[in-house]
Amino acid sequence: MNAALNAPAFNERLPTELESTNAETLRQIVASQIKEDGETVINISNVEGETQPITLSPALAHSFLELLRLVSSGRGFQLIPLDSQLTTQQAADILNVSRPHLIKLLERDEIPFDRVGRHRRIKASDLMAYKDKRDTERADALADLAEFDGEHGLL
């Protein structure tokens, strides 16, 4: 079997320098092929040298670029299906908050959860919805502060 297929995934390690460099090159290639108004077509050569067109939807192209951006910056990542059930520690790690703070959010019904025995489980989709809402509220508050500063000559 191919040794590359047996390598640990990025959720178990950080990318090597070579992987980061290659990811940046691939990111630039894919980005140069993206069309604003539709699908992205990339031609890939197989082992025999035959070229095959691969069509990426806008959503897939965006996701692929984001993955390549993370690898090229030397950061690891984890893919989490939206229907996954997360532990409170996993959810806290994703939100970059402490587990006790996450528990408070759950107890205030800010994030839906289920109980499995004594344990709480959070759907990844519910966690991401909360994160998007939180991030939007933070961005709006920051914009309001910047506007206030501008109006009062505090910049």
Protein backbone atom coordinates (compact mmCIF):
# COMPACT_ATOMS: atom_id res chain seq x y z
CA MET A 1 0.00 0.00 0.00
CA ASN A 2 1.12 3.59 -0.66
CA ALA A 3 3.04 5.02 2.32
CA ALA A 4 1.36 8.42 1.82
CA LEU A 5 -2.02 6.84 2.53
CA ASN A 6 -0.71 5.57 5.88
CA ALA A 7 0.60 8.98 7.03
CA PRO A 8 -1.15 10.50 10.05
CA ALA A 9 -3.91 12.97 9.17
CA PHE A 10 -3.51 16.68 9.96
CA ASN A 11 -5.80 16.34 12.96
CA GLU A 12 -2.97 14.29 14.49
CA ARG A 13 -0.05 16.53 13.51
CA LEU A 14 0.98 19.82 11.91
CA PRO A 15 1.96 19.99 8.24
CA THR A 16 5.62 19.70 7.30
CA GLU A 17 7.39 22.59 5.59
CA LEU A 18 7.22 20.74 2.26
CA GLU A 19 3.48 20.11 2.70
CA SER A 20 2.94 23.79 3.51
CA THR A 21 4.91 24.90 0.44
CA ASN A 22 3.06 22.46 -1.83
CA ALA A 23 -0.30 23.50 -0.39
CA GLU A 24 0.48 27.16 -1.12
CA THR A 25 1.43 26.32 -4.71
CA LEU A 26 -1.78 24.33 -5.17
CA ARG A 27 -3.82 27.10 -3.51
CA GLN A 28 -2.45 29.64 -5.99
CA ILE A 29 -3.22 27.34 -8.93
CA VAL A 30 -6.79 26.68 -7.79
CA ALA A 31 -7.37 30.35 -6.94
CA SER A 32 -6.24 31.39 -10.42
CA GLN A 33 -8.84 29.07 -11.99
CA ILE A 34 -11.85 30.22 -9.96
CA LYS A 35 -14.55 31.94 -11.94
CA GLU A 36 -16.77 34.40 -10.11
CA ASP A 37 -19.91 33.31 -11.91
CA GLY A 38 -19.74 29.55 -11.81
CA GLU A 39 -17.90 26.31 -11.41
CA THR A 40 -14.14 25.95 -11.36
CA VAL A 41 -12.57 23.42 -13.72
CA ILE A 42 -9.10 22.08 -12.95
CA ASN A 43 -7.27 19.66 -15.23
CA ILE A 44 -5.47 16.88 -13.36
CA SER A 45 -3.08 14.34 -14.87
CA ASN A 46 -3.27 10.75 -13.68
CA VAL A 47 -0.32 8.34 -13.37
CA GLU A 48 -0.54 7.41 -17.05
CA GLY A 49 -0.30 11.09 -18.04
CA GLU A 50 -3.94 11.35 -19.14
CA THR A 51 -5.52 14.66 -18.28
CA GLN A 52 -8.94 14.70 -16.67
CA PRO A 53 -11.03 17.78 -15.97
CA ILE A 54 -12.30 18.07 -12.38
CA THR A 55 -15.22 20.43 -11.81
CA LEU A 56 -15.53 22.14 -8.43
CA SER A 57 -18.74 23.88 -7.39
CA PRO A 58 -18.22 27.36 -5.87
CA ALA A 59 -18.79 25.95 -2.36
CA LEU A 60 -16.33 23.10 -2.90
CA ALA A 61 -13.72 25.41 -4.43
CA HIS A 62 -14.05 27.79 -1.45
CA SER A 63 -13.75 24.92 1.05
CA PHE A 64 -10.75 23.48 -0.79
CA LEU A 65 -9.02 26.89 -0.80
CA GLU A 66 -9.67 27.29 2.92
CA LEU A 67 -8.16 23.86 3.62
CA LEU A 68 -5.11 24.70 1.49
CA ARG A 69 -4.76 28.08 3.23
CA LEU A 70 -4.65 26.36 6.62
CA VAL A 71 -2.05 23.81 5.49
CA SER A 72 0.08 26.42 3.70
CA SER A 73 0.16 28.55 6.86
CA GLY A 74 1.52 25.55 8.78
CA ARG A 75 -1.64 25.10 10.81
CA GLY A 76 -3.41 21.84 11.44
CA PHE A 77 -7.13 21.37 11.00
CA GLN A 78 -9.88 18.94 11.73
CA LEU A 79 -12.86 18.07 9.56
CA ILE A 80 -16.03 17.77 11.59
CA PRO A 81 -19.24 16.60 9.92
CA LEU A 82 -22.10 18.92 10.88
CA ASP A 83 -24.17 15.99 12.14
CA SER A 84 -21.44 14.96 14.62
CA GLN A 85 -22.12 14.83 18.33
CA LEU A 86 -19.34 16.66 20.19
CA THR A 87 -18.26 16.33 23.79
CA THR A 88 -18.26 19.47 25.90
CA GLN A 89 -14.45 19.57 25.74
CA GLN A 90 -14.44 19.30 21.94
CA ALA A 91 -17.05 22.06 21.71
CA ALA A 92 -15.13 24.27 24.13
CA ASP A 93 -11.95 23.77 22.10
CA ILE A 94 -13.73 24.78 18.88
CA LEU A 95 -15.10 27.95 20.51
CA ASN A 96 -11.73 28.58 22.18
CA VAL A 97 -13.37 28.89 25.60
CA SER A 98 -13.01 26.94 28.82
CA ARG A 99 -15.18 23.90 29.40
CA PRO A 100 -16.83 25.53 32.48
CA HIS A 101 -17.74 28.56 30.33
CA LEU A 102 -19.25 26.27 27.70
CA ILE A 103 -21.30 24.51 30.39
CA LYS A 104 -22.68 27.93 31.44
CA LEU A 105 -23.68 28.60 27.82
CA LEU A 106 -25.45 25.25 27.69
CA GLU A 107 -27.23 25.85 31.00
CA ARG A 108 -28.43 29.27 29.75
CA ASP A 109 -29.88 27.50 26.66
CA GLU A 110 -27.62 29.51 24.32
CA ILE A 111 -26.54 26.29 22.60
CA PRO A 112 -28.85 23.27 22.28
CA PHE A 113 -27.54 19.96 23.58
CA ASP A 114 -28.63 16.42 24.35
CA ARG A 115 -27.87 14.27 27.34
CA VAL A 116 -26.35 10.84 26.89
CA GLY A 117 -26.48 9.38 30.35
CA ARG A 118 -24.75 11.97 32.53
CA HIS A 119 -22.88 13.50 29.61
CA ARG A 120 -23.84 16.44 27.42
CA ARG A 121 -23.45 16.19 23.65
CA ILE A 122 -23.63 19.12 21.26
CA LYS A 123 -24.42 18.81 17.56
CA ALA A 124 -21.63 20.34 15.51
CA SER A 125 -24.23 22.20 13.41
CA ASP A 126 -25.72 23.82 16.55
CA LEU A 127 -22.26 24.77 17.77
CA MET A 128 -21.35 26.33 14.41
CA ALA A 129 -24.65 28.26 14.35
CA TYR A 130 -23.85 29.66 17.81
CA LYS A 131 -20.28 30.48 16.73
CA ASP A 132 -21.49 32.30 13.60
CA LYS A 133 -24.03 34.29 15.66
CA ARG A 134 -21.39 35.15 18.28
CA ASP A 135 -18.86 36.19 15.65
CA THR A 136 -21.43 38.37 13.86
CA GLU A 137 -22.42 40.08 17.13
CA ARG A 138 -18.74 40.73 17.92
CA ALA A 139 -18.08 42.16 14.45
CA ASP A 140 -21.15 44.41 14.74
CA ALA A 141 -20.06 45.65 18.17
CA LEU A 142 -16.56 46.36 16.87
CA ALA A 143 -17.98 48.27 13.89
CA ASP A 144 -20.18 50.31 16.27
CA LEU A 145 -17.14 51.14 18.41
CA ALA A 146 -15.12 52.17 15.36
CA GLU A 147 -17.99 54.37 14.18
CA PHE A 148 -18.29 55.94 17.65
CA ASP A 149 -14.54 56.59 17.73
CA GLY A 150 -14.69 58.17 14.28
CA GLU A 151 -17.62 60.41 15.20
CA HIS A 152 -15.88 61.63 18.35
CA GLY A 153 -12.42 62.08 16.87
CA LEU A 154 -10.91 59.30 18.95
CA LEU A 155 -9.08 57.62 16.06
